Amino acid sequence: MDSGALGRFGERIARAYLRSQGAKVLYANFRAPRGGEVDVVAREGKLLVFAEVKTRRAGGMGRPLDAVDREKQRLIERGANEWLRQLGTREIPWRFDVIEVILTHGEKPLVRRVENAF
């Protein structure tokens, strides 16, 4: 599986995970017209969650969370700001999460959610 396919697979797992936790997935792979991106936009009650998904094979170096550097955070923030602009309000609670998906051949994926990641 190449890195693109690995990422898409991880995003499907993350969306299923969010649904299993009671979240409603509103959008996958949101791309803002003026730049910015969010892997998953979800709602948990009145809370909006802008989630970045990072998928790695087991045994890799470092945590997937470590790949969400300041530049990546800015892209996600721009995407979230565009989403909120389209809603016409910023008067709703929201946060940024990172969902780590670790894949081990022949095993169930490990999913870790880092709430308020940045």
PDB file of N, CA and C in Angstrom:
ATOM      1  N   MET A   1       0.853  -1.169   0.000  1.00  0.00           N
ATOM      2  CA  MET A   1       0.000   0.000   0.000  1.00  0.00           C
ATOM      3  C   MET A   1       0.904   1.238   0.000  1.00  0.00           C
ATOM      4  N   ASP A   2       0.709   2.128  -0.984  1.00  0.00           N
ATOM      5  CA  ASP A   2       1.517   3.342  -1.005  1.00  0.00           C
ATOM      6  C   ASP A   2       1.026   4.326   0.059  1.00  0.00           C
ATOM      7  N   SER A   3       1.748   5.419   0.257  1.00  0.00           N
ATOM      8  CA  SER A   3       1.421   6.341   1.349  1.00  0.00           C
ATOM      9  C   SER A   3       0.049   6.979   1.162  1.00  0.00           C
ATOM     10  N   GLY A   4      -0.352   7.263  -0.082  1.00  0.00           N
ATOM     11  CA  GLY A   4      -1.679   7.831  -0.319  1.00  0.00           C
ATOM     12  C   GLY A   4      -2.785   6.871   0.071  1.00  0.00           C
ATOM     13  N   ALA A   5      -2.642   5.625  -0.327  1.00  0.00           N
ATOM     14  CA  ALA A   5      -3.643   4.607   0.022  1.00  0.00           C
ATOM     15  C   ALA A   5      -3.658   4.371   1.525  1.00  0.00           C
ATOM     16  N   LEU A   6      -2.481   4.386   2.132  1.00  0.00           N
ATOM     17  CA  LEU A   6      -2.382   4.215   3.588  1.00  0.00           C
ATOM     18  C   LEU A   6      -3.140   5.332   4.303  1.00  0.00           C
ATOM     19  N   GLY A   7      -2.946   6.564   3.846  1.00  0.00           N
ATOM     20  CA  GLY A   7      -3.633   7.700   4.447  1.00  0.00           C
ATOM     21  C   GLY A   7      -5.140   7.622   4.285  1.00  0.00           C
ATOM     22  N   ARG A   8      -5.595   7.263   3.096  1.00  0.00           N
ATOM     23  CA  ARG A   8      -7.044   7.144   2.865  1.00  0.00           C
ATOM     24  C   ARG A   8      -7.656   6.038   3.725  1.00  0.00           C
ATOM     25  N   PHE A   9      -6.936   4.930   3.847  1.00  0.00           N
ATOM     26  CA  PHE A   9      -7.398   3.832   4.692  1.00  0.00           C
ATOM     27  C   PHE A   9      -7.503   4.301   6.148  1.00  0.00           C
ATOM     28  N   GLY A  10      -6.481   4.998   6.628  1.00  0.00           N
ATOM     29  CA  GLY A  10      -6.501   5.523   7.986  1.00  0.00           C
ATOM     30  C   GLY A  10      -7.643   6.496   8.214  1.00  0.00           C
ATOM     31  N   GLU A  11      -7.937   7.328   7.222  1.00  0.00           N
ATOM     32  CA  GLU A  11      -9.051   8.275   7.356  1.00  0.00           C
ATOM     33  C   GLU A  11     -10.383   7.549   7.453  1.00  0.00           C
ATOM     34  N   ARG A  12     -10.557   6.463   6.697  1.00  0.00           N
ATOM     35  CA  ARG A  12     -11.797   5.670   6.809  1.00  0.00           C
ATOM     36  C   ARG A  12     -11.914   5.080   8.216  1.00  0.00           C
ATOM     37  N   ILE A  13     -10.802   4.576   8.737  1.00  0.00           N
ATOM     38  CA  ILE A  13     -10.799   4.017  10.096  1.00  0.00           C
ATOM     39  C   ILE A  13     -11.139   5.106  11.107  1.00  0.00           C
ATOM     40  N   ALA A  14     -10.556   6.292  10.950  1.00  0.00           N
ATOM     41  CA  ALA A  14     -10.808   7.394  11.879  1.00  0.00           C
ATOM     42  C   ALA A  14     -12.271   7.822  11.854  1.00  0.00           C
ATOM     43  N   ARG A  15     -12.862   7.895  10.668  1.00  0.00           N
ATOM     44  CA  ARG A  15     -14.282   8.263  10.586  1.00  0.00           C
ATOM     45  C   ARG A  15     -15.157   7.217  11.278  1.00  0.00           C
ATOM     46  N   ALA A  16     -14.847   5.938  11.064  1.00  0.00           N
ATOM     47  CA  ALA A  16     -15.611   4.871  11.732  1.00  0.00           C
ATOM     48  C   ALA A  16     -15.433   4.965  13.241  1.00  0.00           C
ATOM     49  N   TYR A  17     -14.216   5.278  13.673  1.00  0.00           N
ATOM     50  CA  TYR A  17     -13.949   5.427  15.100  1.00  0.00           C
ATOM     51  C   TYR A  17     -14.791   6.575  15.678  1.00  0.00           C
ATOM     52  N   LEU A  18     -14.790   7.719  15.011  1.00  0.00           N
ATOM     53  CA  LEU A  18     -15.569   8.857  15.504  1.00  0.00           C
ATOM     54  C   LEU A  18     -17.052   8.504  15.602  1.00  0.00           C
ATOM     55  N   ARG A  19     -17.566   7.827  14.579  1.00  0.00           N
ATOM     56  CA  ARG A  19     -18.980   7.417  14.628  1.00  0.00           C
ATOM     57  C   ARG A  19     -19.235   6.474  15.799  1.00  0.00           C
ATOM     58  N   SER A  20     -18.294   5.576  16.060  1.00  0.00           N
ATOM     59  CA  SER A  20     -18.468   4.631  17.167  1.00  0.00           C
ATOM     60  C   SER A  20     -18.462   5.342  18.514  1.00  0.00           C
ATOM     61  N   GLN A  21     -17.885   6.533  18.544  1.00  0.00           N
ATOM     62  CA  GLN A  21     -17.845   7.326  19.768  1.00  0.00           C
ATOM     63  C   GLN A  21     -19.032   8.293  19.868  1.00  0.00           C
ATOM     64  N   GLY A  22     -19.963   8.189  18.922  1.00  0.00           N
ATOM     65  CA  GLY A  22     -21.179   9.000  18.955  1.00  0.00           C
ATOM     66  C   GLY A  22     -21.109  10.294  18.163  1.00  0.00           C
ATOM     67  N   ALA A  23     -20.023  10.519  17.438  1.00  0.00           N
ATOM     68  CA  ALA A  23     -19.894  11.736  16.638  1.00  0.00           C
ATOM     69  C   ALA A  23     -20.620  11.575  15.306  1.00  0.00           C
ATOM     70  N   LYS A  24     -21.039  12.683  14.760  1.00  0.00           N
ATOM     71  CA  LYS A  24     -21.619  12.698  13.411  1.00  0.00           C
ATOM     72  C   LYS A  24     -20.567  13.305  12.492  1.00  0.00           C
ATOM     73  N   VAL A  25     -20.119  12.535  11.526  1.00  0.00           N
ATOM     74  CA  VAL A  25     -19.137  13.035  10.560  1.00  0.00           C
ATOM     75  C   VAL A  25     -19.881  13.905   9.546  1.00  0.00           C
ATOM     76  N   LEU A  26     -19.470  15.165   9.479  1.00  0.00           N
ATOM     77  CA  LEU A  26     -20.116  16.116   8.584  1.00  0.00           C
ATOM     78  C   LEU A  26     -19.439  16.188   7.220  1.00  0.00           C
ATOM     79  N   TYR A  27     -18.116  16.015   7.208  1.00  0.00           N
ATOM     80  CA  TYR A  27     -17.380  16.183   5.959  1.00  0.00           C
ATOM     81  C   TYR A  27     -16.034  15.488   6.074  1.00  0.00           C
ATOM     82  N   ALA A  28     -15.603  14.918   4.973  1.00  0.00           N
ATOM     83  CA  ALA A  28     -14.270  14.312   4.898  1.00  0.00           C
ATOM     84  C   ALA A  28     -13.458  15.059   3.854  1.00  0.00           C
ATOM     85  N   ASN A  29     -12.215  15.347   4.183  1.00  0.00           N
ATOM     86  CA  ASN A  29     -11.286  16.010   3.268  1.00  0.00           C
ATOM     87  C   ASN A  29     -11.792  17.364   2.786  1.00  0.00           C
ATOM     88  N   PHE A  30     -12.137  18.213   3.728  1.00  0.00           N
ATOM     89  CA  PHE A  30     -12.564  19.578   3.405  1.00  0.00           C
ATOM     90  C   PHE A  30     -11.366  20.388   2.935  1.00  0.00           C
ATOM     91  N   ARG A  31     -11.510  21.001   1.769  1.00  0.00           N
ATOM     92  CA  ARG A  31     -10.463  21.849   1.210  1.00  0.00           C
ATOM     93  C   ARG A  31     -11.041  23.245   1.042  1.00  0.00           C
ATOM     94  N   ALA A  32     -10.449  24.206   1.707  1.00  0.00           N
ATOM     95  CA  ALA A  32     -10.920  25.584   1.637  1.00  0.00           C
ATOM     96  C   ALA A  32     -10.504  26.203   0.310  1.00  0.00           C
ATOM     97  N   PRO A  33     -11.359  27.009  -0.291  1.00  0.00           N
ATOM     98  CA  PRO A  33     -11.034  27.615  -1.577  1.00  0.00           C
ATOM     99  C   PRO A  33      -9.783  28.495  -1.535  1.00  0.00           C
ATOM    100  N   ARG A  34      -9.505  29.118  -0.409  1.00  0.00           N
ATOM    101  CA  ARG A  34      -8.341  30.001  -0.285  1.00  0.00           C
ATOM    102  C   ARG A  34      -7.163  29.299   0.403  1.00  0.00           C
ATOM    103  N   GLY A  35      -7.162  27.995   0.375  1.00  0.00           N
ATOM    104  CA  GLY A  35      -6.102  27.240   1.050  1.00  0.00           C
ATOM    105  C   GLY A  35      -6.568  26.780   2.415  1.00  0.00           C
ATOM    106  N   GLY A  36      -6.007  25.731   2.866  1.00  0.00           N
ATOM    107  CA  GLY A  36      -6.412  25.143   4.143  1.00  0.00           C
ATOM    108  C   GLY A  36      -7.122  23.833   3.913  1.00  0.00           C
ATOM    109  N   GLU A  37      -7.007  22.953   4.904  1.00  0.00           N
ATOM    110  CA  GLU A  37      -7.590  21.624   4.749  1.00  0.00           C
ATOM    111  C   GLU A  37      -7.874  21.025   6.117  1.00  0.00           C
ATOM    112  N   VAL A  38      -8.910  20.214   6.149  1.00  0.00           N
ATOM    113  CA  VAL A  38      -9.272  19.476   7.354  1.00  0.00           C
ATOM    114  C   VAL A  38      -9.640  18.061   6.912  1.00  0.00           C
ATOM    115  N   ASP A  39      -9.012  17.054   7.523  1.00  0.00           N
ATOM    116  CA  ASP A  39      -9.300  15.665   7.142  1.00  0.00           C
ATOM    117  C   ASP A  39     -10.731  15.272   7.475  1.00  0.00           C
ATOM    118  N   VAL A  40     -11.178  15.599   8.688  1.00  0.00           N
ATOM    119  CA  VAL A  40     -12.537  15.234   9.106  1.00  0.00           C
ATOM    120  C   VAL A  40     -13.139  16.386   9.903  1.00  0.00           C
ATOM    121  N   VAL A  41     -14.351  16.770   9.518  1.00  0.00           N
ATOM    122  CA  VAL A  41     -15.141  17.713  10.306  1.00  0.00           C
ATOM    123  C   VAL A  41     -16.280  16.897  10.902  1.00  0.00           C
ATOM    124  N   ALA A  42     -16.384  16.925  12.222  1.00  0.00           N
ATOM    125  CA  ALA A  42     -17.412  16.125  12.902  1.00  0.00           C
ATOM    126  C   ALA A  42     -18.103  16.972  13.965  1.00  0.00           C
ATOM    127  N   ARG A  43     -19.258  16.486  14.381  1.00  0.00           N
ATOM    128  CA  ARG A  43     -20.002  17.159  15.448  1.00  0.00           C
ATOM    129  C   ARG A  43     -20.246  16.154  16.571  1.00  0.00           C
ATOM    130  N   GLU A  44     -19.967  16.605  17.777  1.00  0.00           N
ATOM    131  CA  GLU A  44     -20.275  15.820  18.979  1.00  0.00           C
ATOM    132  C   GLU A  44     -21.170  16.694  19.844  1.00  0.00           C
ATOM    133  N   GLY A  45     -22.460  16.442  19.763  1.00  0.00           N
ATOM    134  CA  GLY A  45     -23.401  17.329  20.431  1.00  0.00           C
ATOM    135  C   GLY A  45     -23.306  18.697  19.775  1.00  0.00           C
ATOM    136  N   LYS A  46     -23.010  19.732  20.566  1.00  0.00           N
ATOM    137  CA  LYS A  46     -22.879  21.088  20.021  1.00  0.00           C
ATOM    138  C   LYS A  46     -21.450  21.440  19.654  1.00  0.00           C
ATOM    139  N   LEU A  47     -20.518  20.532  19.907  1.00  0.00           N
ATOM    140  CA  LEU A  47     -19.095  20.771  19.660  1.00  0.00           C
ATOM    141  C   LEU A  47     -18.713  20.370  18.240  1.00  0.00           C
ATOM    142  N   LEU A  48     -18.018  21.275  17.530  1.00  0.00           N
ATOM    143  CA  LEU A  48     -17.440  20.941  16.223  1.00  0.00           C
ATOM    144  C   LEU A  48     -16.020  20.456  16.443  1.00  0.00           C
ATOM    145  N   VAL A  49     -15.662  19.380  15.778  1.00  0.00           N
ATOM    146  CA  VAL A  49     -14.314  18.832  15.874  1.00  0.00           C
ATOM    147  C   VAL A  49     -13.680  18.876  14.490  1.00  0.00           C
ATOM    148  N   PHE A  50     -12.531  19.540  14.422  1.00  0.00           N
ATOM    149  CA  PHE A  50     -11.724  19.559  13.215  1.00  0.00           C
ATOM    150  C   PHE A  50     -10.572  18.592  13.480  1.00  0.00           C
ATOM    151  N   ALA A  51     -10.584  17.463  12.793  1.00  0.00           N
ATOM    152  CA  ALA A  51      -9.626  16.400  13.101  1.00  0.00           C
ATOM    153  C   ALA A  51      -8.632  16.176  11.965  1.00  0.00           C
ATOM    154  N   GLU A  52      -7.388  16.071  12.341  1.00  0.00           N
ATOM    155  CA  GLU A  52      -6.316  15.666  11.437  1.00  0.00           C
ATOM    156  C   GLU A  52      -6.041  14.195  11.711  1.00  0.00           C
ATOM    157  N   VAL A  53      -5.948  13.401  10.649  1.00  0.00           N
ATOM    158  CA  VAL A  53      -5.704  11.968  10.794  1.00  0.00           C
ATOM    159  C   VAL A  53      -4.284  11.675  10.321  1.00  0.00           C
ATOM    160  N   LYS A  54      -3.530  10.981  11.159  1.00  0.00           N
ATOM    161  CA  LYS A  54      -2.178  10.557  10.801  1.00  0.00           C
ATOM    162  C   LYS A  54      -2.098   9.052  10.960  1.00  0.00           C
ATOM    163  N   THR A  55      -1.733   8.388   9.874  1.00  0.00           N
ATOM    164  CA  THR A  55      -1.679   6.926   9.853  1.00  0.00           C
ATOM    165  C   THR A  55      -0.245   6.477   9.646  1.00  0.00           C
ATOM    166  N   ARG A  56       0.162   5.487  10.424  1.00  0.00           N
ATOM    167  CA  ARG A  56       1.511   4.930  10.317  1.00  0.00           C
ATOM    168  C   ARG A  56       1.434   3.420  10.449  1.00  0.00           C
ATOM    169  N   ARG A  57       2.428   2.764   9.889  1.00  0.00           N
ATOM    170  CA  ARG A  57       2.593   1.334  10.122  1.00  0.00           C
ATOM    171  C   ARG A  57       3.297   1.163  11.460  1.00  0.00           C
ATOM    172  N   ALA A  58       2.976   0.092  12.155  1.00  0.00           N
ATOM    173  CA  ALA A  58       3.616  -0.194  13.445  1.00  0.00           C
ATOM    174  C   ALA A  58       5.127  -0.297  13.249  1.00  0.00           C
ATOM    175  N   GLY A  59       5.860   0.146  14.241  1.00  0.00           N
ATOM    176  CA  GLY A  59       7.309   0.059  14.188  1.00  0.00           C
ATOM    177  C   GLY A  59       7.974   1.277  13.583  1.00  0.00           C
ATOM    178  N   GLY A  60       7.167   2.242  13.133  1.00  0.00           N
ATOM    179  CA  GLY A  60       7.730   3.461  12.560  1.00  0.00           C
ATOM    180  C   GLY A  60       8.350   4.342  13.640  1.00  0.00           C
ATOM    181  N   MET A  61       9.091   5.300  13.192  1.00  0.00           N
ATOM    182  CA  MET A  61       9.761   6.205  14.121  1.00  0.00           C
ATOM    183  C   MET A  61       8.804   7.305  14.579  1.00  0.00           C
ATOM    184  N   GLY A  62       8.721   7.535  15.882  1.00  0.00           N
ATOM    185  CA  GLY A  62       7.929   8.623  16.431  1.00  0.00           C
ATOM    186  C   GLY A  62       6.430   8.383  16.367  1.00  0.00           C
ATOM    187  N   ARG A  63       5.728   9.241  17.068  1.00  0.00           N
ATOM    188  CA  ARG A  63       4.269   9.201  17.067  1.00  0.00           C
ATOM    189  C   ARG A  63       3.729   9.899  15.834  1.00  0.00           C
ATOM    190  N   PRO A  64       2.594   9.451  15.331  1.00  0.00           N
ATOM    191  CA  PRO A  64       1.966  10.168  14.220  1.00  0.00           C
ATOM    192  C   PRO A  64       1.691  11.636  14.570  1.00  0.00           C
ATOM    193  N   LEU A  65       1.345  11.897  15.817  1.00  0.00           N
ATOM    194  CA  LEU A  65       1.090  13.270  16.278  1.00  0.00           C
ATOM    195  C   LEU A  65       2.268  14.190  15.981  1.00  0.00           C
ATOM    196  N   ASP A  66       3.474  13.663  16.046  1.00  0.00           N
ATOM    197  CA  ASP A  66       4.671  14.473  15.816  1.00  0.00           C
ATOM    198  C   ASP A  66       4.715  15.065  14.411  1.00  0.00           C
ATOM    199  N   ALA A  67       3.995  14.470  13.476  1.00  0.00           N
ATOM    200  CA  ALA A  67       3.986  14.960  12.094  1.00  0.00           C
ATOM    201  C   ALA A  67       3.100  16.191  11.918  1.00  0.00           C
ATOM    202  N   VAL A  68       2.314  16.528  12.936  1.00  0.00           N
ATOM    203  CA  VAL A  68       1.446  17.700  12.850  1.00  0.00           C
ATOM    204  C   VAL A  68       2.235  18.896  13.396  1.00  0.00           C
ATOM    205  N   ASP A  69       3.122  19.378  12.537  1.00  0.00           N
ATOM    206  CA  ASP A  69       3.979  20.500  12.920  1.00  0.00           C
ATOM    207  C   ASP A  69       3.232  21.825  12.763  1.00  0.00           C
ATOM    208  N   ARG A  70       3.912  22.918  13.057  1.00  0.00           N
ATOM    209  CA  ARG A  70       3.268  24.232  13.037  1.00  0.00           C
ATOM    210  C   ARG A  70       2.704  24.574  11.648  1.00  0.00           C
ATOM    211  N   GLU A  71       3.431  24.223  10.596  1.00  0.00           N
ATOM    212  CA  GLU A  71       2.944  24.494   9.238  1.00  0.00           C
ATOM    213  C   GLU A  71       1.651  23.739   8.961  1.00  0.00           C
ATOM    214  N   LYS A  72       1.599  22.460   9.360  1.00  0.00           N
ATOM    215  CA  LYS A  72       0.392  21.649   9.174  1.00  0.00           C
ATOM    216  C   LYS A  72      -0.749  22.217  10.010  1.00  0.00           C
ATOM    217  N   GLN A  73      -0.453  22.657  11.229  1.00  0.00           N
ATOM    218  CA  GLN A  73      -1.474  23.259  12.080  1.00  0.00           C
ATOM    219  C   GLN A  73      -2.081  24.494  11.422  1.00  0.00           C
ATOM    220  N   ARG A  74      -1.247  25.306  10.785  1.00  0.00           N
ATOM    221  CA  ARG A  74      -1.754  26.504  10.099  1.00  0.00           C
ATOM    222  C   ARG A  74      -2.697  26.135   8.955  1.00  0.00           C
ATOM    223  N   LEU A  75      -2.370  25.090   8.208  1.00  0.00           N
ATOM    224  CA  LEU A  75      -3.264  24.637   7.131  1.00  0.00           C
ATOM    225  C   LEU A  75      -4.619  24.202   7.685  1.00  0.00           C
ATOM    226  N   ILE A  76      -4.585  23.469   8.783  1.00  0.00           N
ATOM    227  CA  ILE A  76      -5.821  22.989   9.408  1.00  0.00           C
ATOM    228  C   ILE A  76      -6.616  24.173   9.960  1.00  0.00           C
ATOM    229  N   GLU A  77      -5.936  25.111  10.599  1.00  0.00           N
ATOM    230  CA  GLU A  77      -6.602  26.308  11.132  1.00  0.00           C
ATOM    231  C   GLU A  77      -7.273  27.106  10.016  1.00  0.00           C
ATOM    232  N   ARG A  78      -6.590  27.252   8.872  1.00  0.00           N
ATOM    233  CA  ARG A  78      -7.195  27.973   7.741  1.00  0.00           C
ATOM    234  C   ARG A  78      -8.440  27.253   7.240  1.00  0.00           C
ATOM    235  N   GLY A  79      -8.363  25.928   7.162  1.00  0.00           N
ATOM    236  CA  GLY A  79      -9.536  25.158   6.752  1.00  0.00           C
ATOM    237  C   GLY A  79     -10.687  25.319   7.735  1.00  0.00           C
ATOM    238  N   ALA A  80     -10.377  25.258   9.020  1.00  0.00           N
ATOM    239  CA  ALA A  80     -11.412  25.407  10.050  1.00  0.00           C
ATOM    240  C   ALA A  80     -12.021  26.812  10.002  1.00  0.00           C
ATOM    241  N   ASN A  81     -11.183  27.820   9.818  1.00  0.00           N
ATOM    242  CA  ASN A  81     -11.695  29.193   9.738  1.00  0.00           C
ATOM    243  C   ASN A  81     -12.633  29.367   8.554  1.00  0.00           C
ATOM    244  N   GLU A  82     -12.315  28.733   7.433  1.00  0.00           N
ATOM    245  CA  GLU A  82     -13.199  28.808   6.269  1.00  0.00           C
ATOM    246  C   GLU A  82     -14.514  28.092   6.556  1.00  0.00           C
ATOM    247  N   TRP A  83     -14.443  26.940   7.224  1.00  0.00           N
ATOM    248  CA  TRP A  83     -15.671  26.207   7.580  1.00  0.00           C
ATOM    249  C   TRP A  83     -16.561  27.100   8.454  1.00  0.00           C
ATOM    250  N   LEU A  84     -15.965  27.720   9.459  1.00  0.00           N
ATOM    251  CA  LEU A  84     -16.729  28.590  10.359  1.00  0.00           C
ATOM    252  C   LEU A  84     -17.271  29.808   9.611  1.00  0.00           C
ATOM    253  N   ARG A  85     -16.474  30.348   8.682  1.00  0.00           N
ATOM    254  CA  ARG A  85     -16.941  31.483   7.886  1.00  0.00           C
ATOM    255  C   ARG A  85     -18.173  31.089   7.081  1.00  0.00           C
ATOM    256  N   GLN A  86     -18.140  29.890   6.489  1.00  0.00           N
ATOM    257  CA  GLN A  86     -19.282  29.426   5.703  1.00  0.00           C
ATOM    258  C   GLN A  86     -20.511  29.193   6.574  1.00  0.00           C
ATOM    259  N   LEU A  87     -20.283  28.826   7.831  1.00  0.00           N
ATOM    260  CA  LEU A  87     -21.406  28.673   8.759  1.00  0.00           C
ATOM    261  C   LEU A  87     -22.017  30.020   9.117  1.00  0.00           C
ATOM    262  N   GLY A  88     -21.194  31.058   9.017  1.00  0.00           N
ATOM    263  CA  GLY A  88     -21.670  32.398   9.342  1.00  0.00           C
ATOM    264  C   GLY A  88     -21.572  32.731  10.817  1.00  0.00           C
ATOM    265  N   THR A  89     -20.850  31.913  11.579  1.00  0.00           N
ATOM    266  CA  THR A  89     -20.700  32.186  13.012  1.00  0.00           C
ATOM    267  C   THR A  89     -19.443  31.516  13.553  1.00  0.00           C
ATOM    268  N   ARG A  90     -18.896  32.142  14.564  1.00  0.00           N
ATOM    269  CA  ARG A  90     -17.811  31.531  15.336  1.00  0.00           C
ATOM    270  C   ARG A  90     -18.289  31.313  16.774  1.00  0.00           C
ATOM    271  N   GLU A  91     -19.569  31.506  16.972  1.00  0.00           N
ATOM    272  CA  GLU A  91     -20.146  31.424  18.317  1.00  0.00           C
ATOM    273  C   GLU A  91     -20.587  30.016  18.677  1.00  0.00           C
ATOM    274  N   ILE A  92     -19.857  29.039  18.215  1.00  0.00           N
ATOM    275  CA  ILE A  92     -20.114  27.656  18.595  1.00  0.00           C
ATOM    276  C   ILE A  92     -18.812  27.074  19.124  1.00  0.00           C
ATOM    277  N   PRO A  93     -18.891  26.133  20.044  1.00  0.00           N
ATOM    278  CA  PRO A  93     -17.643  25.549  20.558  1.00  0.00           C
ATOM    279  C   PRO A  93     -17.008  24.638  19.511  1.00  0.00           C
ATOM    280  N   TRP A  94     -15.670  24.695  19.421  1.00  0.00           N
ATOM    281  CA  TRP A  94     -14.940  23.855  18.479  1.00  0.00           C
ATOM    282  C   TRP A  94     -13.546  23.602  19.015  1.00  0.00           C
ATOM    283  N   ARG A  95     -12.898  22.568  18.459  1.00  0.00           N
ATOM    284  CA  ARG A  95     -11.533  22.248  18.865  1.00  0.00           C
ATOM    285  C   ARG A  95     -10.831  21.466  17.759  1.00  0.00           C
ATOM    286  N   PHE A  96      -9.508  21.356  17.917  1.00  0.00           N
ATOM    287  CA  PHE A  96      -8.675  20.610  16.985  1.00  0.00           C
ATOM    288  C   PHE A  96      -8.214  19.316  17.652  1.00  0.00           C
ATOM    289  N   ASP A  97      -8.490  18.200  17.016  1.00  0.00           N
ATOM    290  CA  ASP A  97      -8.036  16.892  17.483  1.00  0.00           C
ATOM    291  C   ASP A  97      -7.102  16.284  16.440  1.00  0.00           C
ATOM    292  N   VAL A  98      -6.249  15.383  16.899  1.00  0.00           N
ATOM    293  CA  VAL A  98      -5.465  14.548  15.994  1.00  0.00           C
ATOM    294  C   VAL A  98      -5.846  13.108  16.296  1.00  0.00           C
ATOM    295  N   ILE A  99      -6.133  12.367  15.253  1.00  0.00           N
ATOM    296  CA  ILE A  99      -6.447  10.952  15.414  1.00  0.00           C
ATOM    297  C   ILE A  99      -5.295  10.167  14.820  1.00  0.00           C
ATOM    298  N   GLU A 100      -4.647   9.392  15.668  1.00  0.00           N
ATOM    299  CA  GLU A 100      -3.524   8.548  15.251  1.00  0.00           C
ATOM    300  C   GLU A 100      -4.051   7.153  14.948  1.00  0.00           C
ATOM    301  N   VAL A 101      -3.664   6.626  13.791  1.00  0.00           N
ATOM    302  CA  VAL A 101      -4.037   5.270  13.408  1.00  0.00           C
ATOM    303  C   VAL A 101      -2.735   4.500  13.177  1.00  0.00           C
ATOM    304  N   ILE A 102      -2.550   3.436  13.944  1.00  0.00           N
ATOM    305  CA  ILE A 102      -1.351   2.597  13.835  1.00  0.00           C
ATOM    306  C   ILE A 102      -1.780   1.246  13.280  1.00  0.00           C
ATOM    307  N   LEU A 103      -1.150   0.860  12.175  1.00  0.00           N
ATOM    308  CA  LEU A 103      -1.512  -0.397  11.508  1.00  0.00           C
ATOM    309  C   LEU A 103      -0.429  -1.449  11.713  1.00  0.00           C
ATOM    310  N   THR A 104      -0.860  -2.609  12.168  1.00  0.00           N
ATOM    311  CA  THR A 104       0.010  -3.776  12.310  1.00  0.00           C
ATOM    312  C   THR A 104      -0.590  -4.886  11.468  1.00  0.00           C
ATOM    313  N   HIS A 105       0.193  -5.447  10.570  1.00  0.00           N
ATOM    314  CA  HIS A 105      -0.296  -6.484   9.665  1.00  0.00           C
ATOM    315  C   HIS A 105      -0.971  -7.614  10.452  1.00  0.00           C
ATOM    316  N   GLY A 106      -2.195  -7.942  10.050  1.00  0.00           N
ATOM    317  CA  GLY A 106      -2.921  -9.050  10.652  1.00  0.00           C
ATOM    318  C   GLY A 106      -3.610  -8.722  11.967  1.00  0.00           C
ATOM    319  N   GLU A 107      -3.541  -7.465  12.400  1.00  0.00           N
ATOM    320  CA  GLU A 107      -4.168  -7.071  13.667  1.00  0.00           C
ATOM    321  C   GLU A 107      -5.144  -5.922  13.447  1.00  0.00           C
ATOM    322  N   LYS A 108      -6.022  -5.763  14.434  1.00  0.00           N
ATOM    323  CA  LYS A 108      -6.961  -4.652  14.416  1.00  0.00           C
ATOM    324  C   LYS A 108      -6.180  -3.345  14.571  1.00  0.00           C
ATOM    325  N   PRO A 109      -6.522  -2.303  13.789  1.00  0.00           N
ATOM    326  CA  PRO A 109      -5.803  -1.033  13.914  1.00  0.00           C
ATOM    327  C   PRO A 109      -5.928  -0.433  15.325  1.00  0.00           C
ATOM    328  N   LEU A 110      -4.866   0.203  15.752  1.00  0.00           N
ATOM    329  CA  LEU A 110      -4.877   0.930  17.019  1.00  0.00           C
ATOM    330  C   LEU A 110      -5.225   2.376  16.710  1.00  0.00           C
ATOM    331  N   VAL A 111      -6.243   2.902  17.376  1.00  0.00           N
ATOM    332  CA  VAL A 111      -6.671   4.283  17.155  1.00  0.00           C
ATOM    333  C   VAL A 111      -6.528   5.031  18.478  1.00  0.00           C
ATOM    334  N   ARG A 112      -5.808   6.150  18.407  1.00  0.00           N
ATOM    335  CA  ARG A 112      -5.657   7.031  19.574  1.00  0.00           C
ATOM    336  C   ARG A 112      -6.103   8.422  19.169  1.00  0.00           C
ATOM    337  N   ARG A 113      -6.889   9.018  20.033  1.00  0.00           N
ATOM    338  CA  ARG A 113      -7.398  10.366  19.772  1.00  0.00           C
ATOM    339  C   ARG A 113      -6.750  11.335  20.744  1.00  0.00           C
ATOM    340  N   VAL A 114      -6.167  12.381  20.198  1.00  0.00           N
ATOM    341  CA  VAL A 114      -5.568  13.435  21.017  1.00  0.00           C
ATOM    342  C   VAL A 114      -6.492  14.649  20.906  1.00  0.00           C
ATOM    343  N   GLU A 115      -7.250  14.896  21.960  1.00  0.00           N
ATOM    344  CA  GLU A 115      -8.170  16.023  21.963  1.00  0.00           C
ATOM    345  C   GLU A 115      -7.417  17.309  22.267  1.00  0.00           C
ATOM    346  N   ASN A 116      -7.904  18.411  21.706  1.00  0.00           N
ATOM    347  CA  ASN A 116      -7.255  19.719  21.893  1.00  0.00           C
ATOM    348  C   ASN A 116      -5.759  19.627  21.606  1.00  0.00           C
ATOM    349  N   ALA A 117      -5.422  19.027  20.476  1.00  0.00           N
ATOM    350  CA  ALA A 117      -4.024  18.760  20.141  1.00  0.00           C
ATOM    351  C   ALA A 117      -3.195  20.031  19.953  1.00  0.00           C
ATOM    352  N   PHE A 118      -3.839  21.097  19.536  1.00  0.00           N
ATOM    353  CA  PHE A 118      -3.142  22.384  19.381  1.00  0.00           C
ATOM    354  C   PHE A 118      -4.126  23.523  19.437  1.00  0.00           C
TER     355      PHE A 118
END
